[in-house]
Amino acid sequence: MTRAFLLILAAAPAAADPCLIGTWQADNAALAAQMSAMMGQEVQSVGGTTTMTLSDGGAGRYDVDLTVAILTPDGARADVGITGDSSFDWGAAGGTFTAEGGTFAYQTRASVTIGGSTMDLGSFPVSDSDMPFGRAAGPYACTPDRLTITPEEEGSMASEWVRAG
């Protein structure tokens, strides 16, 4: 009987790091710097919220409602609104966070201001390869109030988070 119990324990999946469970909000200043590096353009500001909810059992969800102000190389200002959500499976083992699979549904609305005149560019869908909320893996550090994930592929997800709930 004892041997069977030990075999069952050995086959059970490892529990997730309890520090990760909950809702996290992306640090907008860090997100702006990350987007600047990804796009090669100056992101002047990021407003709004991006939340990541990590549930015990491995289900994850992003909810995004952002406004990003970008200064283009020719001096025009582009204001981009990004809304949507995605779901994914996540795990953490050996100090590495992974997020993969799931659904992805984001829309972008953009306008450009040149010389004081604003032109609405309309709305269009965005793929997961265009957003830093895609699939990723990398080392993480978690405290009760802050989560830092260093994705192996730069720009594959937001890297700085603060506890939101």
Protein backbone atom coordinates (compact mmCIF):
# COMPACT_ATOMS: atom_id res chain seq x y z
CA MET A 1 0.00 0.00 0.00
CA THR A 2 2.78 2.45 0.89
CA ARG A 3 4.58 1.74 -2.36
CA ALA A 4 1.43 2.45 -4.43
CA PHE A 5 0.90 5.73 -2.56
CA LEU A 6 4.48 6.83 -3.30
CA LEU A 7 4.05 6.00 -6.99
CA ILE A 8 0.90 8.14 -7.14
CA LEU A 9 2.75 11.05 -5.50
CA ALA A 10 5.64 10.70 -7.94
CA ALA A 11 3.26 10.88 -10.93
CA ALA A 12 1.39 13.98 -9.70
CA PRO A 13 2.30 17.24 -11.47
CA ALA A 14 4.38 19.73 -9.51
CA ALA A 15 2.39 22.53 -7.89
CA ALA A 16 2.74 25.98 -9.47
CA ASP A 17 4.72 28.62 -7.63
CA PRO A 18 1.97 30.16 -5.44
CA CYS A 19 3.56 33.59 -5.84
CA LEU A 20 2.53 33.59 -9.53
CA ILE A 21 -1.17 32.90 -8.94
CA GLY A 22 -3.39 35.97 -9.26
CA THR A 23 -3.80 39.04 -11.44
CA TRP A 24 -0.83 41.13 -12.57
CA GLN A 25 -0.80 44.50 -14.36
CA ALA A 26 1.95 45.36 -16.83
CA ASP A 27 4.22 48.22 -15.77
CA ASN A 28 3.45 50.80 -18.51
CA ALA A 29 6.84 52.56 -18.31
CA ALA A 30 8.66 49.25 -18.76
CA LEU A 31 6.21 48.29 -21.52
CA ALA A 32 6.91 51.57 -23.36
CA ALA A 33 10.68 50.92 -23.23
CA GLN A 34 10.15 47.34 -24.41
CA MET A 35 7.90 48.45 -27.30
CA SER A 36 10.47 51.11 -28.32
CA ALA A 37 13.17 48.46 -28.53
CA MET A 38 10.90 46.08 -30.49
CA MET A 39 9.73 48.68 -33.02
CA GLY A 40 12.90 50.74 -33.32
CA GLN A 41 10.79 53.87 -32.78
CA GLU A 42 10.27 56.10 -29.76
CA VAL A 43 7.23 55.11 -27.74
CA GLN A 44 6.47 58.33 -25.88
CA SER A 45 3.88 56.83 -23.56
CA VAL A 46 1.67 53.85 -22.84
CA GLY A 47 -1.66 54.48 -21.12
CA GLY A 48 -4.43 52.15 -20.05
CA THR A 49 -4.05 48.66 -18.68
CA THR A 50 -2.77 45.24 -19.55
CA THR A 51 -3.60 42.53 -17.06
CA MET A 52 -2.41 38.95 -16.91
CA THR A 53 -4.37 36.52 -14.77
CA LEU A 54 -2.64 33.29 -13.80
CA SER A 55 -4.91 30.63 -12.32
CA ASP A 56 -3.87 27.64 -10.29
CA GLY A 57 -4.01 24.73 -12.70
CA GLY A 58 -2.25 26.46 -15.59
CA ALA A 59 -4.92 28.64 -17.26
CA GLY A 60 -3.84 32.18 -18.15
CA ARG A 61 -5.52 35.22 -19.65
CA TYR A 62 -4.44 38.63 -20.94
CA ASP A 63 -6.86 41.57 -21.07
CA VAL A 64 -5.55 44.61 -22.95
CA ASP A 65 -6.94 48.15 -23.24
CA LEU A 66 -3.99 50.40 -24.17
CA THR A 67 -3.23 53.65 -25.89
CA VAL A 68 0.32 53.89 -27.23
CA ALA A 69 1.82 57.21 -28.42
CA ILE A 70 4.64 56.66 -30.93
CA LEU A 71 6.98 59.25 -32.42
CA THR A 72 7.89 58.07 -35.92
CA PRO A 73 11.38 58.66 -37.40
CA ASP A 74 9.98 61.45 -39.62
CA GLY A 75 8.54 63.29 -36.59
CA ALA A 76 4.89 62.31 -36.97
CA ARG A 77 2.98 61.20 -33.91
CA ALA A 78 1.00 57.97 -34.13
CA ASP A 79 -1.60 57.16 -31.49
CA VAL A 80 -2.49 53.50 -31.43
CA GLY A 81 -5.31 51.99 -29.39
CA ILE A 82 -5.06 48.27 -28.67
CA THR A 83 -7.93 46.28 -27.16
CA GLY A 84 -8.58 42.59 -26.79
CA ASP A 85 -7.83 39.46 -24.89
CA SER A 86 -6.09 36.16 -25.19
CA SER A 87 -5.92 32.93 -23.27
CA PHE A 88 -2.98 30.60 -22.85
CA ASP A 89 -1.61 27.72 -20.86
CA TRP A 90 1.20 28.56 -18.48
CA GLY A 91 3.63 26.80 -16.23
CA ALA A 92 6.63 27.45 -14.05
CA ALA A 93 9.36 24.93 -13.34
CA GLY A 94 12.98 25.30 -12.36
CA GLY A 95 12.71 29.10 -12.27
CA THR A 96 11.38 29.29 -15.86
CA PHE A 97 7.96 30.70 -16.78
CA THR A 98 6.28 29.44 -19.96
CA ALA A 99 3.13 30.62 -21.76
CA GLU A 100 1.86 28.92 -24.91
CA GLY A 101 -1.16 28.01 -27.02
CA GLY A 102 -4.66 29.36 -26.53
CA THR A 103 -6.63 32.06 -28.32
CA PHE A 104 -5.67 35.54 -29.49
CA ALA A 105 -8.16 38.33 -30.33
CA TYR A 106 -6.85 41.92 -30.52
CA GLN A 107 -7.92 44.95 -32.53
CA THR A 108 -5.91 48.07 -33.18
CA ARG A 109 -7.18 51.55 -34.01
CA ALA A 110 -4.62 54.08 -35.20
CA SER A 111 -4.34 57.75 -36.07
CA VAL A 112 -1.36 59.78 -37.23
CA THR A 113 -0.77 63.47 -36.53
CA ILE A 114 1.50 65.37 -38.94
CA GLY A 115 1.94 69.11 -38.62
CA GLY A 116 -1.11 69.42 -36.39
CA SER A 117 -3.42 67.51 -38.77
CA THR A 118 -4.73 64.13 -37.59
CA MET A 119 -5.64 61.33 -39.98
CA ASP A 120 -7.67 58.33 -38.73
CA LEU A 121 -6.22 55.11 -40.12
CA GLY A 122 -9.11 52.96 -38.93
CA SER A 123 -9.18 49.62 -37.16
CA PHE A 124 -7.45 46.37 -38.01
CA PRO A 125 -6.70 43.01 -36.34
CA VAL A 126 -3.30 42.27 -34.85
CA SER A 127 -1.51 38.92 -34.80
CA ASP A 128 0.20 37.45 -31.76
CA SER A 129 3.59 37.96 -33.44
CA ASP A 130 2.94 41.74 -33.45
CA MET A 131 2.16 42.02 -29.74
CA PRO A 132 4.30 41.55 -26.62
CA PHE A 133 1.52 39.40 -25.14
CA GLY A 134 2.20 36.31 -27.19
CA ARG A 135 3.80 33.05 -26.22
CA ALA A 136 7.00 33.04 -24.26
CA ALA A 137 9.44 31.23 -22.03
CA GLY A 138 12.14 32.56 -19.76
CA PRO A 139 13.41 32.92 -16.23
CA TYR A 140 11.24 34.77 -13.73
CA ALA A 141 11.49 36.40 -10.31
CA CYS A 142 8.39 36.83 -8.17
CA THR A 143 7.76 38.76 -4.96
CA PRO A 144 4.33 39.38 -3.40
CA ASP A 145 4.09 42.72 -5.28
CA ARG A 146 6.22 42.36 -8.44
CA LEU A 147 6.82 39.81 -11.21
CA THR A 148 9.69 40.05 -13.67
CA ILE A 149 9.85 37.65 -16.61
CA THR A 150 12.87 37.73 -18.90
CA PRO A 151 11.62 36.15 -22.14
CA GLU A 152 14.18 34.15 -24.10
CA GLU A 153 12.82 35.78 -27.27
CA GLU A 154 12.98 39.56 -26.78
CA GLY A 155 9.59 41.19 -27.12
CA SER A 156 7.57 37.99 -26.87
CA MET A 157 5.77 39.22 -23.75
CA ALA A 158 5.68 42.11 -21.31
CA SER A 159 8.44 41.59 -18.77
CA GLU A 160 7.55 43.81 -15.79
CA TRP A 161 4.33 43.28 -13.81
CA VAL A 162 2.87 44.57 -10.54
CA ARG A 163 0.30 42.67 -8.47
CA ALA A 164 -3.24 43.83 -9.25
CA GLY A 165 -5.17 41.22 -7.29
